[in-house]
Amino acid sequence: MSRKGHRRKPMAEINVVPYIDVTLVLLIIFMITTPMLQTGVEVELPQTQSATVESKDEPPIVVSIQQGGQYFLNVGDGNDESVQVEDIYPRVAATIASKPGTQVLINADKAVDYGTVVTVMAKLKNAGVPSVGLMTKSDE
């Protein structure tokens, strides 16, 4: 009878059941996929002969790392100079700025930690070196 004049009051409650269902499904998906992301695929790498690097007019810059953690720098003058690790990057950046086509190579002892070599490579890249090469011995 007097329903015509009364408006329904809107509900102020949110139904959270669908959100809980979606969250549970996402949790299960992440629980299943996370272990797959943490494991690597085991592969057998091919064995090949390494090709020699083309020599350019400019002698390369060689950063040498010895097993004991000593660093040496040869900026193309033929002399391996003992340096601190912090001094390598500004000197290489200065040489690259003056001679942009100069190659940069890392000559590391095989007993040097892999992380050390990668850290030096990353810092050389941050110093402005476009590409860094690794020196190896041939099988012959």
C-alpha atoms as a PDB file:
ATOM      1  CA  MET A   1       0.000   0.000   0.000  1.00  0.00           C
ATOM      2  CA  SER A   2       2.552   2.538   0.943  1.00  0.00           C
ATOM      3  CA  ARG A   3       5.308   0.728  -0.914  1.00  0.00           C
ATOM      4  CA  LYS A   4       5.123   3.104  -3.814  1.00  0.00           C
ATOM      5  CA  GLY A   5       6.573   5.975  -1.850  1.00  0.00           C
ATOM      6  CA  HIS A   6       9.404   4.059  -0.179  1.00  0.00           C
ATOM      7  CA  ARG A   7      12.664   3.473  -1.962  1.00  0.00           C
ATOM      8  CA  ARG A   8      14.796   0.480  -1.255  1.00  0.00           C
ATOM      9  CA  LYS A   9      17.900   1.250   0.682  1.00  0.00           C
ATOM     10  CA  PRO A  10      21.086   0.142  -1.181  1.00  0.00           C
ATOM     11  CA  MET A  11      23.105  -2.685   0.330  1.00  0.00           C
ATOM     12  CA  ALA A  12      26.457  -1.637   1.708  1.00  0.00           C
ATOM     13  CA  GLU A  13      27.927  -5.153   1.820  1.00  0.00           C
ATOM     14  CA  ILE A  14      30.378  -6.615  -0.664  1.00  0.00           C
ATOM     15  CA  ASN A  15      30.215 -10.269  -1.519  1.00  0.00           C
ATOM     16  CA  VAL A  16      33.850 -11.417  -1.065  1.00  0.00           C
ATOM     17  CA  VAL A  17      33.342 -15.076  -1.921  1.00  0.00           C
ATOM     18  CA  PRO A  18      34.304 -14.654  -5.623  1.00  0.00           C
ATOM     19  CA  TYR A  19      37.475 -12.792  -4.605  1.00  0.00           C
ATOM     20  CA  ILE A  20      38.444 -15.603  -2.243  1.00  0.00           C
ATOM     21  CA  ASP A  21      37.904 -18.155  -5.025  1.00  0.00           C
ATOM     22  CA  VAL A  22      40.092 -16.214  -7.465  1.00  0.00           C
ATOM     23  CA  THR A  23      42.802 -15.760  -4.835  1.00  0.00           C
ATOM     24  CA  LEU A  24      42.811 -19.479  -4.066  1.00  0.00           C
ATOM     25  CA  VAL A  25      43.140 -20.367  -7.766  1.00  0.00           C
ATOM     26  CA  LEU A  26      46.029 -17.911  -8.195  1.00  0.00           C
ATOM     27  CA  LEU A  27      47.739 -19.298  -5.090  1.00  0.00           C
ATOM     28  CA  ILE A  28      47.541 -22.829  -6.479  1.00  0.00           C
ATOM     29  CA  ILE A  29      48.886 -21.698  -9.863  1.00  0.00           C
ATOM     30  CA  PHE A  30      51.856 -19.917  -8.248  1.00  0.00           C
ATOM     31  CA  MET A  31      52.560 -22.903  -5.983  1.00  0.00           C
ATOM     32  CA  ILE A  32      52.758 -25.177  -9.019  1.00  0.00           C
ATOM     33  CA  THR A  33      54.796 -22.897 -11.295  1.00  0.00           C
ATOM     34  CA  THR A  34      57.366 -21.579  -8.770  1.00  0.00           C
ATOM     35  CA  PRO A  35      59.364 -24.837  -8.475  1.00  0.00           C
ATOM     36  CA  MET A  36      59.523 -25.019 -12.273  1.00  0.00           C
ATOM     37  CA  LEU A  37      61.106 -21.562 -12.449  1.00  0.00           C
ATOM     38  CA  GLN A  38      63.792 -22.387  -9.890  1.00  0.00           C
ATOM     39  CA  THR A  39      65.143 -25.512 -11.548  1.00  0.00           C
ATOM     40  CA  GLY A  40      67.302 -25.344 -14.617  1.00  0.00           C
ATOM     41  CA  VAL A  41      67.331 -27.547 -17.640  1.00  0.00           C
ATOM     42  CA  GLU A  42      70.352 -29.785 -17.882  1.00  0.00           C
ATOM     43  CA  VAL A  43      71.980 -29.570 -21.281  1.00  0.00           C
ATOM     44  CA  GLU A  44      75.179 -30.866 -22.766  1.00  0.00           C
ATOM     45  CA  LEU A  45      77.005 -27.990 -24.382  1.00  0.00           C
ATOM     46  CA  PRO A  46      78.712 -28.574 -27.731  1.00  0.00           C
ATOM     47  CA  GLN A  47      82.499 -28.755 -27.926  1.00  0.00           C
ATOM     48  CA  THR A  48      83.949 -26.537 -30.638  1.00  0.00           C
ATOM     49  CA  GLN A  49      87.203 -24.984 -31.660  1.00  0.00           C
ATOM     50  CA  SER A  50      87.304 -21.289 -30.838  1.00  0.00           C
ATOM     51  CA  ALA A  51      88.145 -18.938 -33.653  1.00  0.00           C
ATOM     52  CA  THR A  52      90.856 -16.354 -33.252  1.00  0.00           C
ATOM     53  CA  VAL A  53      89.796 -12.759 -32.857  1.00  0.00           C
ATOM     54  CA  GLU A  54      90.459 -10.507 -35.810  1.00  0.00           C
ATOM     55  CA  SER A  55      93.291  -8.167 -34.991  1.00  0.00           C
ATOM     56  CA  LYS A  56      92.585  -4.536 -35.716  1.00  0.00           C
ATOM     57  CA  ASP A  57      95.002  -1.656 -36.084  1.00  0.00           C
ATOM     58  CA  GLU A  58      94.621  -0.820 -32.407  1.00  0.00           C
ATOM     59  CA  PRO A  59      95.987  -3.325 -29.869  1.00  0.00           C
ATOM     60  CA  PRO A  60      93.280  -4.523 -27.457  1.00  0.00           C
ATOM     61  CA  ILE A  61      92.901  -3.560 -23.817  1.00  0.00           C
ATOM     62  CA  VAL A  62      93.507  -6.685 -21.728  1.00  0.00           C
ATOM     63  CA  VAL A  63      92.291  -7.021 -18.135  1.00  0.00           C
ATOM     64  CA  SER A  64      94.063  -9.981 -16.522  1.00  0.00           C
ATOM     65  CA  ILE A  65      92.870 -11.649 -13.324  1.00  0.00           C
ATOM     66  CA  GLN A  66      95.181 -14.037 -11.486  1.00  0.00           C
ATOM     67  CA  GLN A  67      94.096 -16.826  -9.164  1.00  0.00           C
ATOM     68  CA  GLY A  68      95.122 -14.915  -6.030  1.00  0.00           C
ATOM     69  CA  GLY A  69      92.917 -11.942  -6.911  1.00  0.00           C
ATOM     70  CA  GLN A  70      95.578  -9.722  -8.475  1.00  0.00           C
ATOM     71  CA  TYR A  71      94.446  -7.549 -11.368  1.00  0.00           C
ATOM     72  CA  PHE A  72      96.611  -6.408 -14.272  1.00  0.00           C
ATOM     73  CA  LEU A  73      95.780  -3.949 -17.020  1.00  0.00           C
ATOM     74  CA  ASN A  74      97.356  -3.687 -20.464  1.00  0.00           C
ATOM     75  CA  VAL A  75      95.997  -0.681 -22.359  1.00  0.00           C
ATOM     76  CA  GLY A  76      97.706  -1.639 -25.599  1.00  0.00           C
ATOM     77  CA  ASP A  77     101.242  -0.588 -24.828  1.00  0.00           C
ATOM     78  CA  GLY A  78     102.467  -4.143 -24.216  1.00  0.00           C
ATOM     79  CA  ASN A  79     103.041  -3.699 -20.482  1.00  0.00           C
ATOM     80  CA  ASP A  80     100.885  -5.510 -17.925  1.00  0.00           C
ATOM     81  CA  GLU A  81     100.547  -3.058 -15.054  1.00  0.00           C
ATOM     82  CA  SER A  82      99.388  -4.245 -11.615  1.00  0.00           C
ATOM     83  CA  VAL A  83      96.299  -2.233 -10.628  1.00  0.00           C
ATOM     84  CA  GLN A  84      93.588  -2.177  -7.996  1.00  0.00           C
ATOM     85  CA  VAL A  85      90.191  -3.330  -9.207  1.00  0.00           C
ATOM     86  CA  GLU A  86      88.659   0.135  -8.676  1.00  0.00           C
ATOM     87  CA  ASP A  87      91.276   1.747 -10.959  1.00  0.00           C
ATOM     88  CA  ILE A  88      90.505  -0.464 -13.954  1.00  0.00           C
ATOM     89  CA  TYR A  89      87.155   0.999 -14.995  1.00  0.00           C
ATOM     90  CA  PRO A  90      88.055   4.720 -15.177  1.00  0.00           C
ATOM     91  CA  ARG A  91      91.207   3.949 -17.138  1.00  0.00           C
ATOM     92  CA  VAL A  92      89.370   1.684 -19.574  1.00  0.00           C
ATOM     93  CA  ALA A  93      86.590   4.269 -19.975  1.00  0.00           C
ATOM     94  CA  ALA A  94      89.168   6.978 -20.717  1.00  0.00           C
ATOM     95  CA  THR A  95      90.897   4.779 -23.301  1.00  0.00           C
ATOM     96  CA  ILE A  96      87.587   3.840 -24.952  1.00  0.00           C
ATOM     97  CA  ALA A  97      86.604   7.525 -25.071  1.00  0.00           C
ATOM     98  CA  SER A  98      89.809   8.438 -26.893  1.00  0.00           C
ATOM     99  CA  LYS A  99      89.891   5.311 -29.119  1.00  0.00           C
ATOM    100  CA  PRO A 100      86.289   4.086 -29.570  1.00  0.00           C
ATOM    101  CA  GLY A 101      87.114   1.033 -31.708  1.00  0.00           C
ATOM    102  CA  THR A 102      89.432  -0.591 -29.175  1.00  0.00           C
ATOM    103  CA  GLN A 103      88.604  -4.160 -28.191  1.00  0.00           C
ATOM    104  CA  VAL A 104      88.467  -5.078 -24.493  1.00  0.00           C
ATOM    105  CA  LEU A 105      89.425  -8.614 -23.459  1.00  0.00           C
ATOM    106  CA  ILE A 106      89.447 -10.411 -20.107  1.00  0.00           C
ATOM    107  CA  ASN A 107      92.270 -12.866 -19.487  1.00  0.00           C
ATOM    108  CA  ALA A 108      91.385 -14.800 -16.332  1.00  0.00           C
ATOM    109  CA  ASP A 109      93.033 -17.797 -14.714  1.00  0.00           C
ATOM    110  CA  LYS A 110      90.833 -20.908 -14.912  1.00  0.00           C
ATOM    111  CA  ALA A 111      90.791 -21.125 -11.100  1.00  0.00           C
ATOM    112  CA  VAL A 112      89.283 -17.625 -10.760  1.00  0.00           C
ATOM    113  CA  ASP A 113      85.713 -17.619  -9.498  1.00  0.00           C
ATOM    114  CA  TYR A 114      83.086 -17.254 -12.235  1.00  0.00           C
ATOM    115  CA  GLY A 115      81.353 -14.508 -10.258  1.00  0.00           C
ATOM    116  CA  THR A 116      84.534 -12.411 -10.257  1.00  0.00           C
ATOM    117  CA  VAL A 117      84.779 -12.563 -14.043  1.00  0.00           C
ATOM    118  CA  VAL A 118      81.097 -11.700 -14.501  1.00  0.00           C
ATOM    119  CA  THR A 119      81.406  -8.783 -12.070  1.00  0.00           C
ATOM    120  CA  VAL A 120      84.369  -7.384 -14.012  1.00  0.00           C
ATOM    121  CA  MET A 121      82.449  -7.813 -17.281  1.00  0.00           C
ATOM    122  CA  ALA A 122      79.398  -5.997 -15.895  1.00  0.00           C
ATOM    123  CA  LYS A 123      81.478  -3.115 -14.556  1.00  0.00           C
ATOM    124  CA  LEU A 124      83.288  -2.801 -17.884  1.00  0.00           C
ATOM    125  CA  LYS A 125      79.913  -2.613 -19.644  1.00  0.00           C
ATOM    126  CA  ASN A 126      78.848   0.109 -17.187  1.00  0.00           C
ATOM    127  CA  ALA A 127      82.095   1.965 -17.955  1.00  0.00           C
ATOM    128  CA  GLY A 128      80.979   2.258 -21.590  1.00  0.00           C
ATOM    129  CA  VAL A 129      82.637  -0.746 -23.228  1.00  0.00           C
ATOM    130  CA  PRO A 130      80.359  -1.915 -26.067  1.00  0.00           C
ATOM    131  CA  SER A 131      81.540  -5.547 -26.002  1.00  0.00           C
ATOM    132  CA  VAL A 132      83.861  -7.575 -23.801  1.00  0.00           C
ATOM    133  CA  GLY A 133      85.693 -10.679 -25.022  1.00  0.00           C
ATOM    134  CA  LEU A 134      87.131 -13.583 -23.055  1.00  0.00           C
ATOM    135  CA  MET A 135      90.586 -14.936 -23.863  1.00  0.00           C
ATOM    136  CA  THR A 136      91.005 -18.707 -24.061  1.00  0.00           C
ATOM    137  CA  LYS A 137      93.669 -21.207 -25.028  1.00  0.00           C
ATOM    138  CA  SER A 138      93.165 -23.391 -28.042  1.00  0.00           C
ATOM    139  CA  ASP A 139      93.286 -27.172 -27.704  1.00  0.00           C
ATOM    140  CA  GLU A 140      96.223 -27.387 -30.083  1.00  0.00           C
END
